[in-house]
Amino acid sequence: MPSNTYALDATWRPILKDLGVSAANVLRHAGLPEDLLAQPGVRLNSADFYRFWDGMGRELNDPLFPLRLCQAIRSESFSPPLFAALCSPNFLVAVHRIARYKALVAPMRLDLRQAGSTVTLSLVWLDSSLQPPQSLVLTELLFFVALARIGSRERICPLRVVTDLPPKEQDAYAEFFGVGVERGEGHHLTFRQVDALRPFLTSNEGLWTTFEPELRTRLAELDDSVSLSERVRAILLEALPSGLIAADLVASKLALSKRTLQRQLEAEGTTYMKVLQDTRAALATHYLHNTRLPAAEISFLLGFEEPNSFYRAFRDWTGQSPDQVRHRPTTSA
């Protein structure tokens, strides 16, 4: 059974730093451990998740903090769920994809309703006994409008923004949304269907097929039955582009020592280097078959220091060069 806890992404530390905010003060306001963001694999229940957001609001003491936060999140360099959404052909498909994985990171779900010439996105908070913080609700509403604009490179404005927690600073939010925030039941964004279907200039279905397995693996991490090797693979898929893939670094993200990681992987009949090699080989094949990225760029995305190391490793894995695999027709199973 999936647990009712939600991942606190590691990108919160640089986001808070960009905002000029002390993470320790935020956590102190929230009544959470001051070293929480330094701990690997942090998960919070609904109440603690909301307290974290309330802590940010109290520390910032800025009614426009959701607007600032949205800008800070947009500046982050790599977020697999956001990256995968931007690979979508349009906003409508992007929201459908995000909806599948929202349970990883927040106690909410996304509902989409198409009616005539409009599309309405609704935020549904899963714990009815708790009121979500206003800052969290506003940030989510701002994020989806920003997503539509980032992907389409157009200033898409919703027809309506409705929430039962409207901000007092209406003018600033109305300037961002392009429409005033209405008080109403629930939390909804309504777009013109033509805008929801406007092509994303960031669209790349090949890269989506590469990232979707990783996002499915992240969902599987909510289940305690997932093997350690699968959890290691999920971490590697995100860490590879940074090159921070040493066994001790991955072990620390799992709250394990390097020795314990190796021992538990051996009990599953594998090793850290084998998981790393298999992950790189699978990703390399995905990139070669589903994108037009040059081999040198693929080398970087797989965490190699220079392309020649990738070429040698790939030939060891497959007995062929990257170009030979790229031009070889794929066969059905």
C-alpha atoms as a PDB file:
ATOM      1  CA  MET A   1       0.000   0.000   0.000  1.00  0.00           C
ATOM      2  CA  PRO A   2       1.332   3.470  -0.809  1.00  0.00           C
ATOM      3  CA  SER A   3       2.067   5.490   2.311  1.00  0.00           C
ATOM      4  CA  ASN A   4       0.340   8.834   2.935  1.00  0.00           C
ATOM      5  CA  THR A   5       3.601  10.740   2.988  1.00  0.00           C
ATOM      6  CA  TYR A   6       5.068  13.096   0.443  1.00  0.00           C
ATOM      7  CA  ALA A   7       8.601  13.660  -0.778  1.00  0.00           C
ATOM      8  CA  LEU A   8      10.298  16.895   0.187  1.00  0.00           C
ATOM      9  CA  ASP A   9      12.453  17.449  -2.872  1.00  0.00           C
ATOM     10  CA  ALA A  10      16.158  18.179  -2.418  1.00  0.00           C
ATOM     11  CA  THR A  11      15.763  21.315  -4.562  1.00  0.00           C
ATOM     12  CA  TRP A  12      14.154  23.089  -1.588  1.00  0.00           C
ATOM     13  CA  ARG A  13      17.584  23.903  -0.166  1.00  0.00           C
ATOM     14  CA  PRO A  14      18.776  25.940  -3.195  1.00  0.00           C
ATOM     15  CA  ILE A  15      15.292  27.448  -3.611  1.00  0.00           C
ATOM     16  CA  LEU A  16      15.290  28.791  -0.058  1.00  0.00           C
ATOM     17  CA  LYS A  17      18.839  30.052  -0.536  1.00  0.00           C
ATOM     18  CA  ASP A  18      17.783  31.892  -3.710  1.00  0.00           C
ATOM     19  CA  LEU A  19      14.995  33.509  -1.691  1.00  0.00           C
ATOM     20  CA  GLY A  20      17.493  34.610   0.937  1.00  0.00           C
ATOM     21  CA  VAL A  21      15.769  32.518   3.565  1.00  0.00           C
ATOM     22  CA  SER A  22      17.293  30.483   6.390  1.00  0.00           C
ATOM     23  CA  ALA A  23      16.151  26.882   6.005  1.00  0.00           C
ATOM     24  CA  ALA A  24      16.757  26.332   9.734  1.00  0.00           C
ATOM     25  CA  ASN A  25      14.456  29.240  10.595  1.00  0.00           C
ATOM     26  CA  VAL A  26      11.737  27.911   8.280  1.00  0.00           C
ATOM     27  CA  LEU A  27      11.918  24.503   9.938  1.00  0.00           C
ATOM     28  CA  ARG A  28      11.999  26.063  13.408  1.00  0.00           C
ATOM     29  CA  HIS A  29       8.807  27.996  12.618  1.00  0.00           C
ATOM     30  CA  ALA A  30       7.265  24.751  11.378  1.00  0.00           C
ATOM     31  CA  GLY A  31       8.250  22.805  14.494  1.00  0.00           C
ATOM     32  CA  LEU A  32      10.283  20.397  12.353  1.00  0.00           C
ATOM     33  CA  PRO A  33      13.889  19.215  12.855  1.00  0.00           C
ATOM     34  CA  GLU A  34      16.267  21.997  11.838  1.00  0.00           C
ATOM     35  CA  ASP A  35      18.443  19.555   9.848  1.00  0.00           C
ATOM     36  CA  LEU A  36      15.470  18.072   7.992  1.00  0.00           C
ATOM     37  CA  LEU A  37      16.549  19.296   4.541  1.00  0.00           C
ATOM     38  CA  ALA A  38      19.996  17.807   5.045  1.00  0.00           C
ATOM     39  CA  GLN A  39      18.509  14.373   5.599  1.00  0.00           C
ATOM     40  CA  PRO A  40      18.170  12.004   2.602  1.00  0.00           C
ATOM     41  CA  GLY A  41      14.810  10.796   1.350  1.00  0.00           C
ATOM     42  CA  VAL A  42      12.705  13.122   3.516  1.00  0.00           C
ATOM     43  CA  ARG A  43       8.969  12.354   3.510  1.00  0.00           C
ATOM     44  CA  LEU A  44       6.293  14.290   5.395  1.00  0.00           C
ATOM     45  CA  ASN A  45       2.703  13.491   6.296  1.00  0.00           C
ATOM     46  CA  SER A  46      -0.007  16.008   5.341  1.00  0.00           C
ATOM     47  CA  ALA A  47       0.090  17.924   8.610  1.00  0.00           C
ATOM     48  CA  ASP A  48       3.898  18.316   8.574  1.00  0.00           C
ATOM     49  CA  PHE A  49       3.839  19.143   4.854  1.00  0.00           C
ATOM     50  CA  TYR A  50       1.438  22.028   5.552  1.00  0.00           C
ATOM     51  CA  ARG A  51       3.490  23.132   8.566  1.00  0.00           C
ATOM     52  CA  PHE A  52       6.553  23.354   6.320  1.00  0.00           C
ATOM     53  CA  TRP A  53       4.676  25.750   4.041  1.00  0.00           C
ATOM     54  CA  ASP A  54       3.375  27.760   6.994  1.00  0.00           C
ATOM     55  CA  GLY A  55       6.951  27.972   8.253  1.00  0.00           C
ATOM     56  CA  MET A  56       8.092  29.473   4.953  1.00  0.00           C
ATOM     57  CA  GLY A  57       5.291  32.024   5.109  1.00  0.00           C
ATOM     58  CA  ARG A  58       6.135  33.077   8.662  1.00  0.00           C
ATOM     59  CA  GLU A  59       9.867  33.328   7.943  1.00  0.00           C
ATOM     60  CA  LEU A  60       9.411  35.319   4.731  1.00  0.00           C
ATOM     61  CA  ASN A  61       6.594  37.484   6.118  1.00  0.00           C
ATOM     62  CA  ASP A  62       5.796  38.557   2.566  1.00  0.00           C
ATOM     63  CA  PRO A  63       2.243  38.399   1.164  1.00  0.00           C
ATOM     64  CA  LEU A  64       3.728  38.067  -2.340  1.00  0.00           C
ATOM     65  CA  PHE A  65       5.901  35.120  -1.348  1.00  0.00           C
ATOM     66  CA  PRO A  66       4.075  32.661  -3.713  1.00  0.00           C
ATOM     67  CA  LEU A  67       4.990  34.898  -6.649  1.00  0.00           C
ATOM     68  CA  ARG A  68       8.631  35.011  -5.552  1.00  0.00           C
ATOM     69  CA  LEU A  69       8.628  31.271  -4.962  1.00  0.00           C
ATOM     70  CA  CYS A  70       7.219  30.562  -8.422  1.00  0.00           C
ATOM     71  CA  GLN A  71      10.073  32.542  -9.970  1.00  0.00           C
ATOM     72  CA  ALA A  72      12.628  30.678  -7.847  1.00  0.00           C
ATOM     73  CA  ILE A  73      11.219  27.274  -8.814  1.00  0.00           C
ATOM     74  CA  ARG A  74      11.326  28.235 -12.484  1.00  0.00           C
ATOM     75  CA  SER A  75      15.037  29.026 -12.139  1.00  0.00           C
ATOM     76  CA  GLU A  76      15.909  25.492 -11.001  1.00  0.00           C
ATOM     77  CA  SER A  77      18.022  23.688 -13.580  1.00  0.00           C
ATOM     78  CA  PHE A  78      16.695  20.142 -13.458  1.00  0.00           C
ATOM     79  CA  SER A  79      13.413  18.702 -12.211  1.00  0.00           C
ATOM     80  CA  PRO A  80      12.498  15.448 -13.956  1.00  0.00           C
ATOM     81  CA  PRO A  81       8.692  15.812 -13.542  1.00  0.00           C
ATOM     82  CA  LEU A  82       8.744  19.392 -14.866  1.00  0.00           C
ATOM     83  CA  PHE A  83      11.175  18.447 -17.627  1.00  0.00           C
ATOM     84  CA  ALA A  84       8.948  15.548 -18.660  1.00  0.00           C
ATOM     85  CA  ALA A  85       5.884  17.813 -18.660  1.00  0.00           C
ATOM     86  CA  LEU A  86       7.658  20.289 -20.939  1.00  0.00           C
ATOM     87  CA  CYS A  87       8.363  17.422 -23.343  1.00  0.00           C
ATOM     88  CA  SER A  88       4.587  17.203 -23.898  1.00  0.00           C
ATOM     89  CA  PRO A  89       2.987  18.430 -27.117  1.00  0.00           C
ATOM     90  CA  ASN A  90       0.741  20.910 -25.275  1.00  0.00           C
ATOM     91  CA  PHE A  91      -0.475  22.059 -21.857  1.00  0.00           C
ATOM     92  CA  LEU A  92      -3.407  19.646 -21.772  1.00  0.00           C
ATOM     93  CA  VAL A  93      -1.148  16.614 -22.186  1.00  0.00           C
ATOM     94  CA  ALA A  94       1.392  18.080 -19.736  1.00  0.00           C
ATOM     95  CA  VAL A  95      -1.240  18.386 -16.990  1.00  0.00           C
ATOM     96  CA  HIS A  96      -2.471  14.840 -17.612  1.00  0.00           C
ATOM     97  CA  ARG A  97       1.105  13.632 -17.182  1.00  0.00           C
ATOM     98  CA  ILE A  98       1.779  15.680 -14.052  1.00  0.00           C
ATOM     99  CA  ALA A  99      -1.488  14.445 -12.560  1.00  0.00           C
ATOM    100  CA  ARG A 100      -0.188  10.872 -12.631  1.00  0.00           C
ATOM    101  CA  TYR A 101       2.773  11.774 -10.441  1.00  0.00           C
ATOM    102  CA  LYS A 102       1.398  14.520  -8.193  1.00  0.00           C
ATOM    103  CA  ALA A 103       0.976  12.090  -5.299  1.00  0.00           C
ATOM    104  CA  LEU A 104       4.771  11.920  -5.077  1.00  0.00           C
ATOM    105  CA  VAL A 105       5.159  15.479  -3.887  1.00  0.00           C
ATOM    106  CA  ALA A 106       1.928  16.824  -2.382  1.00  0.00           C
ATOM    107  CA  PRO A 107      -1.257  15.667  -0.602  1.00  0.00           C
ATOM    108  CA  MET A 108      -3.383  16.582  -3.600  1.00  0.00           C
ATOM    109  CA  ARG A 109      -4.657  15.366  -6.934  1.00  0.00           C
ATOM    110  CA  LEU A 110      -5.379  17.154 -10.198  1.00  0.00           C
ATOM    111  CA  ASP A 111      -8.741  16.850 -11.943  1.00  0.00           C
ATOM    112  CA  LEU A 112      -9.271  17.982 -15.542  1.00  0.00           C
ATOM    113  CA  ARG A 113     -12.651  18.750 -17.077  1.00  0.00           C
ATOM    114  CA  GLN A 114     -13.242  19.723 -20.697  1.00  0.00           C
ATOM    115  CA  ALA A 115     -16.531  21.450 -21.469  1.00  0.00           C
ATOM    116  CA  GLY A 116     -17.226  23.076 -24.817  1.00  0.00           C
ATOM    117  CA  SER A 117     -14.425  25.485 -25.611  1.00  0.00           C
ATOM    118  CA  THR A 118     -12.867  25.497 -22.116  1.00  0.00           C
ATOM    119  CA  VAL A 119     -10.624  23.300 -19.968  1.00  0.00           C
ATOM    120  CA  THR A 120     -10.756  23.499 -16.150  1.00  0.00           C
ATOM    121  CA  LEU A 121      -7.979  22.270 -13.885  1.00  0.00           C
ATOM    122  CA  SER A 122      -9.032  21.635 -10.275  1.00  0.00           C
ATOM    123  CA  LEU A 123      -6.763  21.137  -7.263  1.00  0.00           C
ATOM    124  CA  VAL A 124      -8.264  18.624  -4.842  1.00  0.00           C
ATOM    125  CA  TRP A 125      -6.616  18.342  -1.409  1.00  0.00           C
ATOM    126  CA  LEU A 126      -6.737  14.780  -0.157  1.00  0.00           C
ATOM    127  CA  ASP A 127      -6.966  15.286   3.603  1.00  0.00           C
ATOM    128  CA  SER A 128     -10.356  16.932   4.140  1.00  0.00           C
ATOM    129  CA  SER A 129      -9.657  17.380   7.849  1.00  0.00           C
ATOM    130  CA  LEU A 130      -6.856  19.880   7.142  1.00  0.00           C
ATOM    131  CA  GLN A 131      -6.915  23.281   5.444  1.00  0.00           C
ATOM    132  CA  PRO A 132      -4.048  23.721   2.975  1.00  0.00           C
ATOM    133  CA  PRO A 133      -1.970  26.878   3.494  1.00  0.00           C
ATOM    134  CA  GLN A 134      -3.001  29.770   1.278  1.00  0.00           C
ATOM    135  CA  SER A 135       0.587  30.123   0.054  1.00  0.00           C
ATOM    136  CA  LEU A 136       0.628  26.505  -1.145  1.00  0.00           C
ATOM    137  CA  VAL A 137      -2.663  26.863  -3.014  1.00  0.00           C
ATOM    138  CA  LEU A 138      -1.570  30.100  -4.681  1.00  0.00           C
ATOM    139  CA  THR A 139       1.821  28.631  -5.630  1.00  0.00           C
ATOM    140  CA  GLU A 140       0.144  25.660  -7.328  1.00  0.00           C
ATOM    141  CA  LEU A 141      -2.218  27.940  -9.266  1.00  0.00           C
ATOM    142  CA  LEU A 142       0.688  30.177 -10.298  1.00  0.00           C
ATOM    143  CA  PHE A 143       2.816  27.190 -11.309  1.00  0.00           C
ATOM    144  CA  PHE A 144       0.334  25.812 -13.838  1.00  0.00           C
ATOM    145  CA  VAL A 145      -0.079  29.189 -15.524  1.00  0.00           C
ATOM    146  CA  ALA A 146       3.719  29.519 -15.631  1.00  0.00           C
ATOM    147  CA  LEU A 147       3.975  26.008 -17.116  1.00  0.00           C
ATOM    148  CA  ALA A 148       1.604  26.930 -19.952  1.00  0.00           C
ATOM    149  CA  ARG A 149       3.707  29.992 -20.712  1.00  0.00           C
ATOM    150  CA  ILE A 150       7.100  28.289 -20.476  1.00  0.00           C
ATOM    151  CA  GLY A 151       6.041  25.527 -22.854  1.00  0.00           C
ATOM    152  CA  SER A 152       4.200  27.661 -25.415  1.00  0.00           C
ATOM    153  CA  ARG A 153       6.389  30.790 -25.131  1.00  0.00           C
ATOM    154  CA  GLU A 154       3.102  32.721 -25.151  1.00  0.00           C
ATOM    155  CA  ARG A 155       1.552  34.810 -22.378  1.00  0.00           C
ATOM    156  CA  ILE A 156      -1.367  32.464 -21.866  1.00  0.00           C
ATOM    157  CA  CYS A 157      -3.890  33.824 -19.362  1.00  0.00           C
ATOM    158  CA  PRO A 158      -6.637  31.765 -17.734  1.00  0.00           C
ATOM    159  CA  LEU A 159     -10.244  32.804 -18.170  1.00  0.00           C
ATOM    160  CA  ARG A 160     -10.913  32.336 -14.453  1.00  0.00           C
ATOM    161  CA  VAL A 161      -8.912  31.756 -11.274  1.00  0.00           C
ATOM    162  CA  VAL A 162     -11.085  30.585  -8.384  1.00  0.00           C
ATOM    163  CA  THR A 163     -10.095  29.723  -4.814  1.00  0.00           C
ATOM    164  CA  ASP A 164     -11.703  29.800  -1.396  1.00  0.00           C
ATOM    165  CA  LEU A 165      -8.413  31.305  -0.148  1.00  0.00           C
ATOM    166  CA  PRO A 166      -7.993  34.442  -2.311  1.00  0.00           C
ATOM    167  CA  PRO A 167      -5.055  36.772  -1.566  1.00  0.00           C
ATOM    168  CA  LYS A 168      -5.505  40.249  -0.119  1.00  0.00           C
ATOM    169  CA  GLU A 169      -2.961  41.632  -2.605  1.00  0.00           C
ATOM    170  CA  GLN A 170      -5.270  41.216  -5.585  1.00  0.00           C
ATOM    171  CA  ASP A 171      -3.495  43.619  -7.937  1.00  0.00           C
ATOM    172  CA  ALA A 172      -0.139  41.816  -7.961  1.00  0.00           C
ATOM    173  CA  TYR A 173      -1.726  38.409  -8.543  1.00  0.00           C
ATOM    174  CA  ALA A 174      -4.142  39.782 -11.156  1.00  0.00           C
ATOM    175  CA  GLU A 175      -1.145  41.228 -13.013  1.00  0.00           C
ATOM    176  CA  PHE A 176       0.496  37.790 -13.154  1.00  0.00           C
ATOM    177  CA  PHE A 177      -2.647  35.800 -14.021  1.00  0.00           C
ATOM    178  CA  GLY A 178      -4.064  38.414 -16.397  1.00  0.00           C
ATOM    179  CA  VAL A 179      -7.384  38.108 -14.557  1.00  0.00           C
ATOM    180  CA  GLY A 180      -8.596  38.747 -11.014  1.00  0.00           C
ATOM    181  CA  VAL A 181      -8.671  35.952  -8.425  1.00  0.00           C
ATOM    182  CA  GLU A 182     -12.275  35.096  -7.528  1.00  0.00           C
ATOM    183  CA  ARG A 183     -13.506  33.776  -4.211  1.00  0.00           C
ATOM    184  CA  GLY A 184     -15.417  30.546  -4.696  1.00  0.00           C
ATOM    185  CA  GLU A 185     -15.703  26.928  -3.700  1.00  0.00           C
ATOM    186  CA  GLY A 186     -12.585  24.852  -4.370  1.00  0.00           C
ATOM    187  CA  HIS A 187      -9.474  25.818  -6.335  1.00  0.00           C
ATOM    188  CA  HIS A 188      -9.751  25.995 -10.122  1.00  0.00           C
ATOM    189  CA  LEU A 189      -8.078  27.374 -13.241  1.00  0.00           C
ATOM    190  CA  THR A 190     -10.135  27.643 -16.433  1.00  0.00           C
ATOM    191  CA  PHE A 191      -8.394  28.051 -19.785  1.00  0.00           C
ATOM    192  CA  ARG A 192      -9.573  28.441 -23.336  1.00  0.00           C
ATOM    193  CA  GLN A 193      -9.284  25.063 -25.003  1.00  0.00           C
ATOM    194  CA  VAL A 194      -7.360  26.663 -27.861  1.00  0.00           C
ATOM    195  CA  ASP A 195      -4.742  27.831 -25.336  1.00  0.00           C
ATOM    196  CA  ALA A 196      -4.599  24.433 -23.608  1.00  0.00           C
ATOM    197  CA  LEU A 197      -3.907  22.882 -27.019  1.00  0.00           C
ATOM    198  CA  ARG A 198      -1.376  25.497 -28.111  1.00  0.00           C
ATOM    199  CA  PRO A 199       1.805  23.616 -29.167  1.00  0.00           C
ATOM    200  CA  PHE A 200       4.656  23.486 -26.688  1.00  0.00           C
ATOM    201  CA  LEU A 201       7.865  24.637 -28.341  1.00  0.00           C
ATOM    202  CA  THR A 202       9.683  22.474 -25.779  1.00  0.00           C
ATOM    203  CA  SER A 203       7.907  19.340 -26.988  1.00  0.00           C
ATOM    204  CA  ASN A 204      10.049  16.223 -27.392  1.00  0.00           C
ATOM    205  CA  GLU A 205       8.213  12.917 -27.233  1.00  0.00           C
ATOM    206  CA  GLY A 206      11.483  11.014 -27.422  1.00  0.00           C
ATOM    207  CA  LEU A 207      12.702  12.560 -24.197  1.00  0.00           C
ATOM    208  CA  TRP A 208       9.303  11.887 -22.605  1.00  0.00           C
ATOM    209  CA  THR A 209       9.707   8.187 -23.328  1.00  0.00           C
ATOM    210  CA  THR A 210      13.094   8.399 -21.621  1.00  0.00           C
ATOM    211  CA  PHE A 211      11.819  10.112 -18.483  1.00  0.00           C
ATOM    212  CA  GLU A 212       8.499   8.298 -18.057  1.00  0.00           C
ATOM    213  CA  PRO A 213      10.094   5.056 -16.769  1.00  0.00           C
ATOM    214  CA  GLU A 214      11.956   7.085 -14.154  1.00  0.00           C
ATOM    215  CA  LEU A 215       8.759   8.778 -13.013  1.00  0.00           C
ATOM    216  CA  ARG A 216       7.033   5.410 -12.771  1.00  0.00           C
ATOM    217  CA  THR A 217       9.955   4.238 -10.646  1.00  0.00           C
ATOM    218  CA  ARG A 218       9.501   7.245  -8.375  1.00  0.00           C
ATOM    219  CA  LEU A 219       5.849   6.288  -7.935  1.00  0.00           C
ATOM    220  CA  ALA A 220       6.931   2.764  -7.107  1.00  0.00           C
ATOM    221  CA  GLU A 221       9.135   4.173  -4.355  1.00  0.00           C
ATOM    222  CA  LEU A 222       5.938   4.904  -2.438  1.00  0.00           C
ATOM    223  CA  ASP A 223       5.621   1.139  -2.041  1.00  0.00           C
ATOM    224  CA  ASP A 224       7.812  -0.455   0.612  1.00  0.00           C
ATOM    225  CA  SER A 225       8.183  -3.607  -1.498  1.00  0.00           C
ATOM    226  CA  VAL A 226      10.419  -1.909  -4.098  1.00  0.00           C
ATOM    227  CA  SER A 227      13.896  -3.457  -4.241  1.00  0.00           C
ATOM    228  CA  LEU A 228      16.984  -1.512  -3.253  1.00  0.00           C
ATOM    229  CA  SER A 229      18.395  -1.831  -6.759  1.00  0.00           C
ATOM    230  CA  GLU A 230      15.293  -0.102  -8.158  1.00  0.00           C
ATOM    231  CA  ARG A 231      15.624   2.676  -5.598  1.00  0.00           C
ATOM    232  CA  VAL A 232      19.297   3.099  -6.539  1.00  0.00           C
ATOM    233  CA  ARG A 233      18.327   3.230 -10.200  1.00  0.00           C
ATOM    234  CA  ALA A 234      15.751   5.965  -9.514  1.00  0.00           C
ATOM    235  CA  ILE A 235      18.382   8.069  -7.746  1.00  0.00           C
ATOM    236  CA  LEU A 236      20.890   7.514 -10.561  1.00  0.00           C
ATOM    237  CA  LEU A 237      18.435   8.596 -13.231  1.00  0.00           C
ATOM    238  CA  GLU A 238      18.227  11.997 -11.586  1.00  0.00           C
ATOM    239  CA  ALA A 239      21.874  12.238 -10.532  1.00  0.00           C
ATOM    240  CA  LEU A 240      23.559  11.150 -13.768  1.00  0.00           C
ATOM    241  CA  PRO A 241      23.530  14.550 -15.543  1.00  0.00           C
ATOM    242  CA  SER A 242      25.298  16.115 -12.546  1.00  0.00           C
ATOM    243  CA  GLY A 243      27.966  13.409 -12.452  1.00  0.00           C
ATOM    244  CA  LEU A 244      27.425  13.029  -8.677  1.00  0.00           C
ATOM    245  CA  ILE A 245      27.068   9.269  -8.822  1.00  0.00           C
ATOM    246  CA  ALA A 246      29.713   7.902  -6.458  1.00  0.00           C
ATOM    247  CA  ALA A 247      28.429   4.982  -4.401  1.00  0.00           C
ATOM    248  CA  ASP A 248      28.869   6.852  -1.116  1.00  0.00           C
ATOM    249  CA  LEU A 249      26.785   9.795  -2.395  1.00  0.00           C
ATOM    250  CA  VAL A 250      23.965   7.506  -3.524  1.00  0.00           C
ATOM    251  CA  ALA A 251      24.143   5.581  -0.254  1.00  0.00           C
ATOM    252  CA  SER A 252      23.776   8.807   1.736  1.00  0.00           C
ATOM    253  CA  LYS A 253      20.570   9.649  -0.158  1.00  0.00           C
ATOM    254  CA  LEU A 254      19.191   6.323   1.015  1.00  0.00           C
ATOM    255  CA  ALA A 255      20.359   6.925   4.610  1.00  0.00           C
ATOM    256  CA  LEU A 256      22.769   3.992   4.302  1.00  0.00           C
ATOM    257  CA  SER A 257      26.513   3.610   4.609  1.00  0.00           C
ATOM    258  CA  LYS A 258      28.402   2.653   1.453  1.00  0.00           C
ATOM    259  CA  ARG A 259      29.207  -0.746   2.951  1.00  0.00           C
ATOM    260  CA  THR A 260      25.546  -1.424   3.841  1.00  0.00           C
ATOM    261  CA  LEU A 261      24.465  -0.388   0.353  1.00  0.00           C
ATOM    262  CA  GLN A 262      26.927  -2.802  -1.240  1.00  0.00           C
ATOM    263  CA  ARG A 263      25.964  -5.624   1.117  1.00  0.00           C
ATOM    264  CA  GLN A 264      22.235  -5.243   0.513  1.00  0.00           C
ATOM    265  CA  LEU A 265      22.718  -5.042  -3.253  1.00  0.00           C
ATOM    266  CA  GLU A 266      24.810  -8.220  -3.148  1.00  0.00           C
ATOM    267  CA  ALA A 267      21.943  -9.888  -1.279  1.00  0.00           C
ATOM    268  CA  GLU A 268      19.755  -8.973  -4.271  1.00  0.00           C
ATOM    269  CA  GLY A 269      22.296 -10.575  -6.601  1.00  0.00           C
ATOM    270  CA  THR A 270      23.831  -7.410  -8.001  1.00  0.00           C
ATOM    271  CA  THR A 271      26.387  -4.685  -7.263  1.00  0.00           C
ATOM    272  CA  TYR A 272      26.392  -0.911  -7.333  1.00  0.00           C
ATOM    273  CA  MET A 273      28.589  -0.836 -10.441  1.00  0.00           C
ATOM    274  CA  LYS A 274      26.259  -3.284 -12.199  1.00  0.00           C
ATOM    275  CA  VAL A 275      23.201  -1.125 -11.437  1.00  0.00           C
ATOM    276  CA  LEU A 276      25.098   1.963 -12.626  1.00  0.00           C
ATOM    277  CA  GLN A 277      26.213   0.230 -15.826  1.00  0.00           C
ATOM    278  CA  ASP A 278      22.743  -1.135 -16.602  1.00  0.00           C
ATOM    279  CA  THR A 279      21.134   2.254 -15.952  1.00  0.00           C
ATOM    280  CA  ARG A 280      23.598   4.032 -18.218  1.00  0.00           C
ATOM    281  CA  ALA A 281      23.248   1.423 -20.954  1.00  0.00           C
ATOM    282  CA  ALA A 282      19.441   1.579 -20.901  1.00  0.00           C
ATOM    283  CA  LEU A 283      19.418   5.383 -20.940  1.00  0.00           C
ATOM    284  CA  ALA A 284      22.012   5.513 -23.724  1.00  0.00           C
ATOM    285  CA  THR A 285      19.855   3.240 -25.868  1.00  0.00           C
ATOM    286  CA  HIS A 286      16.767   5.365 -25.143  1.00  0.00           C
ATOM    287  CA  TYR A 287      18.575   8.549 -26.122  1.00  0.00           C
ATOM    288  CA  LEU A 288      20.011   7.030 -29.296  1.00  0.00           C
ATOM    289  CA  HIS A 289      16.683   5.598 -30.472  1.00  0.00           C
ATOM    290  CA  ASN A 290      14.355   8.384 -29.341  1.00  0.00           C
ATOM    291  CA  THR A 291      16.330  11.628 -29.736  1.00  0.00           C
ATOM    292  CA  ARG A 292      18.730  13.277 -32.119  1.00  0.00           C
ATOM    293  CA  LEU A 293      21.101  14.306 -29.351  1.00  0.00           C
ATOM    294  CA  PRO A 294      24.762  14.009 -30.430  1.00  0.00           C
ATOM    295  CA  ALA A 295      26.708  11.256 -28.734  1.00  0.00           C
ATOM    296  CA  ALA A 296      28.836  13.879 -26.966  1.00  0.00           C
ATOM    297  CA  GLU A 297      25.719  15.328 -25.288  1.00  0.00           C
ATOM    298  CA  ILE A 298      24.490  11.858 -24.384  1.00  0.00           C
ATOM    299  CA  SER A 299      27.871  11.278 -22.779  1.00  0.00           C
ATOM    300  CA  PHE A 300      27.311  14.341 -20.585  1.00  0.00           C
ATOM    301  CA  LEU A 301      23.775  13.281 -19.629  1.00  0.00           C
ATOM    302  CA  LEU A 302      25.123   9.892 -18.555  1.00  0.00           C
ATOM    303  CA  GLY A 303      27.683  11.488 -16.242  1.00  0.00           C
ATOM    304  CA  PHE A 304      30.851  10.713 -18.210  1.00  0.00           C
ATOM    305  CA  GLU A 305      33.688  13.219 -17.898  1.00  0.00           C
ATOM    306  CA  GLU A 306      34.481  13.117 -21.606  1.00  0.00           C
ATOM    307  CA  PRO A 307      32.956  11.494 -24.729  1.00  0.00           C
ATOM    308  CA  ASN A 308      35.752   8.985 -25.358  1.00  0.00           C
ATOM    309  CA  SER A 309      34.982   7.310 -22.017  1.00  0.00           C
ATOM    310  CA  PHE A 310      31.357   6.946 -23.113  1.00  0.00           C
ATOM    311  CA  TYR A 311      32.336   5.488 -26.510  1.00  0.00           C
ATOM    312  CA  ARG A 312      34.589   2.897 -24.882  1.00  0.00           C
ATOM    313  CA  ALA A 313      31.991   1.979 -22.258  1.00  0.00           C
ATOM    314  CA  PHE A 314      29.212   1.714 -24.842  1.00  0.00           C
ATOM    315  CA  ARG A 315      31.251  -0.625 -27.003  1.00  0.00           C
ATOM    316  CA  ASP A 316      31.954  -2.770 -23.926  1.00  0.00           C
ATOM    317  CA  TRP A 317      28.188  -2.909 -23.163  1.00  0.00           C
ATOM    318  CA  THR A 318      26.932  -3.615 -26.668  1.00  0.00           C
ATOM    319  CA  GLY A 319      29.863  -4.570 -28.896  1.00  0.00           C
ATOM    320  CA  GLN A 320      28.844  -1.680 -31.174  1.00  0.00           C
ATOM    321  CA  SER A 321      29.407   2.050 -31.484  1.00  0.00           C
ATOM    322  CA  PRO A 322      26.669   4.556 -30.579  1.00  0.00           C
ATOM    323  CA  ASP A 323      26.241   5.451 -34.269  1.00  0.00           C
ATOM    324  CA  GLN A 324      25.737   1.804 -35.210  1.00  0.00           C
ATOM    325  CA  VAL A 325      22.983   1.415 -32.579  1.00  0.00           C
ATOM    326  CA  ARG A 326      21.336   4.688 -33.563  1.00  0.00           C
ATOM    327  CA  HIS A 327      21.028   3.650 -37.200  1.00  0.00           C
ATOM    328  CA  ARG A 328      20.022   0.067 -36.436  1.00  0.00           C
ATOM    329  CA  PRO A 329      16.257  -0.511 -36.841  1.00  0.00           C
ATOM    330  CA  THR A 330      14.506  -1.347 -33.564  1.00  0.00           C
ATOM    331  CA  THR A 331      12.746  -4.698 -33.425  1.00  0.00           C
ATOM    332  CA  SER A 332       9.520  -5.577 -31.684  1.00  0.00           C
ATOM    333  CA  ALA A 333       9.584  -8.017 -28.847  1.00  0.00           C
END
